[in-house]
Protein backbone atom coordinates (compact mmCIF):
# COMPACT_ATOMS: atom_id res chain seq x y z
CA MET A 1 100.24 -24.44 183.07
CA PRO A 2 101.90 -27.15 183.60
CA GLU A 3 104.55 -27.62 185.71
CA PRO A 4 107.97 -27.22 184.18
CA SER A 5 108.96 -30.91 185.17
CA ASP A 6 105.89 -32.67 183.17
CA GLN A 7 106.82 -30.34 180.06
CA LEU A 8 110.57 -31.62 179.89
CA LEU A 9 108.65 -34.96 180.75
CA ALA A 10 106.82 -34.45 177.42
CA CYS A 11 109.04 -33.29 175.16
CA ILE A 12 111.13 -36.62 175.36
CA PRO A 13 109.48 -38.53 172.48
CA ARG A 14 110.16 -35.56 170.20
CA LEU A 15 113.92 -35.32 171.55
CA ARG A 16 114.04 -39.24 170.81
CA ARG A 17 112.61 -39.21 167.23
CA TYR A 18 115.00 -36.04 166.29
CA ALA A 19 117.91 -37.61 168.26
CA ARG A 20 117.23 -41.19 166.31
CA ALA A 21 117.54 -39.42 162.71
CA LEU A 22 120.28 -37.11 163.91
CA VAL A 23 122.63 -40.11 165.04
CA GLY A 24 121.27 -42.88 163.16
CA ASP A 25 121.42 -45.90 165.78
CA ARG A 26 119.08 -46.34 169.00
CA ALA A 27 121.84 -47.21 171.42
CA GLY A 28 123.54 -42.99 170.64
CA ALA A 29 120.26 -41.59 170.08
CA ASP A 30 119.34 -42.47 173.70
CA ASP A 31 122.47 -41.97 175.38
CA LEU A 32 122.41 -38.01 173.40
CA VAL A 33 118.77 -38.11 174.69
CA GLN A 34 119.49 -39.16 178.00
CA ASP A 35 122.48 -36.69 178.14
CA THR A 36 119.75 -33.86 177.14
CA ILE A 37 117.55 -34.79 179.59
CA GLU A 38 120.12 -34.79 182.66
CA ARG A 39 121.34 -31.64 181.50
CA GLY A 40 117.74 -29.97 180.72
CA TRP A 41 116.58 -31.49 184.45
CA SER A 42 119.65 -29.81 186.08
CA ARG A 43 119.39 -26.17 184.83
CA LEU A 44 115.54 -26.34 184.96
CA ALA A 45 115.44 -23.66 187.06
CA GLY A 46 117.69 -21.64 184.53
CA TRP A 47 114.59 -21.93 182.19
CA ARG A 48 112.51 -19.19 181.45
CA ARG A 49 108.70 -19.68 182.37
CA GLY A 50 106.70 -18.91 178.97
CA SER A 51 109.80 -19.55 176.50
CA ASP A 52 109.58 -23.35 174.76
CA MET A 53 110.41 -26.08 176.11
CA ARG A 54 110.78 -28.44 173.37
CA ALA A 55 113.15 -25.14 171.46
CA TRP A 56 115.53 -24.91 175.18
CA LEU A 57 115.58 -28.68 174.93
CA PHE A 58 117.06 -29.10 171.37
CA CYS A 59 119.22 -26.32 171.78
CA ILE A 60 120.82 -28.70 174.19
CA MET A 61 120.39 -31.61 172.29
CA HIS A 62 122.33 -29.45 169.97
CA ASN A 63 125.25 -28.34 171.75
CA LEU A 64 125.87 -31.80 173.15
CA ARG A 65 125.84 -33.26 169.51
CA ILE A 66 128.08 -30.74 168.30
CA ASP A 67 130.49 -31.92 171.70
CA GLN A 68 130.12 -35.44 170.96
CA VAL A 69 131.08 -34.63 167.15
CA ARG A 70 134.33 -33.12 168.64
CA ARG A 71 135.51 -35.42 171.28
CA PRO A 72 134.19 -38.74 169.99
CA SER A 73 134.17 -41.46 172.12
CA PRO A 74 135.65 -45.40 171.77
CA PRO A 75 133.39 -47.17 169.46
CA THR A 76 131.11 -50.12 171.21
CA GLU A 77 128.82 -52.17 170.30
CA SER A 78 125.33 -53.61 172.30
CA LEU A 79 124.96 -57.25 173.08
CA ASN A 80 121.94 -58.58 173.81
CA GLN A 81 119.49 -60.94 172.17
CA GLU A 82 117.63 -58.51 169.75
CA THR A 83 121.13 -57.62 168.71
CA SER A 84 121.30 -60.72 166.24
CA MET A 85 117.42 -60.73 165.37
CA ALA A 86 116.06 -57.90 162.74
CA GLU A 87 112.87 -57.01 163.04
CA ALA A 88 110.94 -56.39 159.57
CA HIS A 89 108.21 -53.91 159.63
CA GLY A 90 106.30 -53.31 156.71
CA SER A 91 107.02 -54.43 153.36
CA LEU A 92 110.40 -55.30 151.56
CA SER A 93 109.54 -52.47 149.33
CA SER A 94 109.40 -49.73 152.03
CA ALA A 95 112.12 -50.94 153.89
CA LEU A 96 114.22 -50.71 151.10
CA GLU A 97 113.03 -47.16 150.87
CA LEU A 98 113.85 -46.28 154.26
CA ARG A 99 117.44 -47.55 154.17
CA ASP A 100 117.79 -45.60 150.79
CA MET A 101 116.57 -42.33 152.89
CA ASP A 102 118.45 -43.12 155.44
CA THR A 103 121.47 -43.53 153.62
CA CYS A 104 121.17 -40.36 151.35
CA LEU A 105 120.15 -38.48 154.06
CA ARG A 106 123.96 -39.47 155.52
CA GLN A 107 125.42 -38.11 152.33
CA LEU A 108 124.05 -34.86 153.55
CA SER A 109 126.54 -32.23 155.38
CA ASP A 110 125.54 -32.28 159.25
CA GLU A 111 124.61 -28.62 159.21
CA GLN A 112 122.03 -29.37 156.29
CA ARG A 113 121.03 -32.72 157.97
CA LYS A 114 120.09 -30.72 160.94
CA ILE A 115 117.76 -28.73 159.48
CA LEU A 116 115.79 -31.10 157.35
CA LEU A 117 114.88 -32.91 160.48
CA LEU A 118 113.92 -30.29 162.28
CA VAL A 119 111.56 -28.96 159.36
CA ALA A 120 110.54 -32.50 158.36
CA LEU A 121 110.37 -34.22 161.18
CA GLU A 122 110.05 -31.74 163.99
CA GLU A 123 107.92 -29.59 161.93
CA MET A 124 109.65 -26.65 163.66
CA SER A 125 109.78 -23.13 161.58
CA TYR A 126 112.38 -21.16 160.70
CA ASP A 127 112.83 -18.97 163.58
CA GLU A 128 112.75 -21.62 166.11
CA ILE A 129 115.41 -23.24 164.27
CA ALA A 130 117.46 -20.52 163.71
CA GLN A 131 117.01 -19.95 167.87
CA VAL A 132 118.16 -23.63 168.18
CA LEU A 133 121.21 -23.59 166.03
CA LYS A 134 122.27 -20.01 167.05
CA ILE A 135 122.14 -19.26 162.97
CA PRO A 136 120.68 -16.53 161.67
CA VAL A 137 116.94 -17.72 159.62
CA GLY A 138 118.48 -16.51 156.17
CA THR A 139 121.53 -19.31 156.41
CA VAL A 140 118.75 -21.57 157.59
CA MET A 141 116.26 -20.99 154.60
CA SER A 142 120.00 -21.55 152.27
CA ARG A 143 120.75 -24.90 153.98
CA LEU A 144 117.35 -26.22 153.62
CA SER A 145 116.86 -25.51 149.91
CA ARG A 146 120.91 -26.79 149.27
CA ALA A 147 119.78 -29.92 151.37
CA ARG A 148 116.66 -30.88 149.72
CA GLU A 149 117.98 -30.49 146.40
CA LYS A 150 120.92 -32.83 147.68
CA LEU A 151 118.14 -34.80 148.90
CA ARG A 152 116.54 -34.97 145.85
CA ALA A 153 119.66 -35.53 143.61
CA ASN A 154 121.02 -38.28 146.03
CA MET A 155 117.04 -40.21 145.62
CA GLU A 156 117.38 -39.69 141.78
CA GLY A 157 120.76 -41.23 141.62
CA ARG A 158 121.90 -37.62 139.87
CA PRO A 159 124.72 -36.45 140.87
CA TYR A 160 123.77 -32.96 142.69
CA ALA A 161 126.17 -29.77 141.27
CA SER A 162 125.87 -26.89 143.33
CA ALA A 163 124.61 -23.64 142.16
CA LEU A 164 127.54 -21.41 144.48
CA LYS A 165 130.84 -20.58 142.82
CA VAL A 166 133.87 -19.77 144.53
CA ILE A 167 134.86 -16.18 144.54
CA LYS A 168 138.73 -15.54 145.35
């Protein structure tokens, strides 16, 4: 079995991918990953051997992100030579589709977006997501269902009509 420190380092690419999708910008995502790795490293002794290191780190990242949202930092702008040049990857059509998808993802609530990204991007099971977000599995399934429907409606350019009714 690999050492815990090696397992932690092996999780970095997945943490970066999820953080980038969650936060939306590279600098903010890198900061979130750095904070997650720092917290995980300092608490590595508390990690239970044999448990899922990835789920443990995603739980840490989730909690750090909640803290960031509750206590926003002052806005900053990174300035370097790459700032002024946007690199185009793929065709214009692909870039537009990605932009549209990102825009539609941003229209989801944080709760829905997190679950959708953990399922689609990280391929986590409902049980793993429930553990990471500390919510019941049924809540994971219902939020995922609503997120998929709302994303589908947004991508098709039609209004989203929730099937939920408010009872007084």
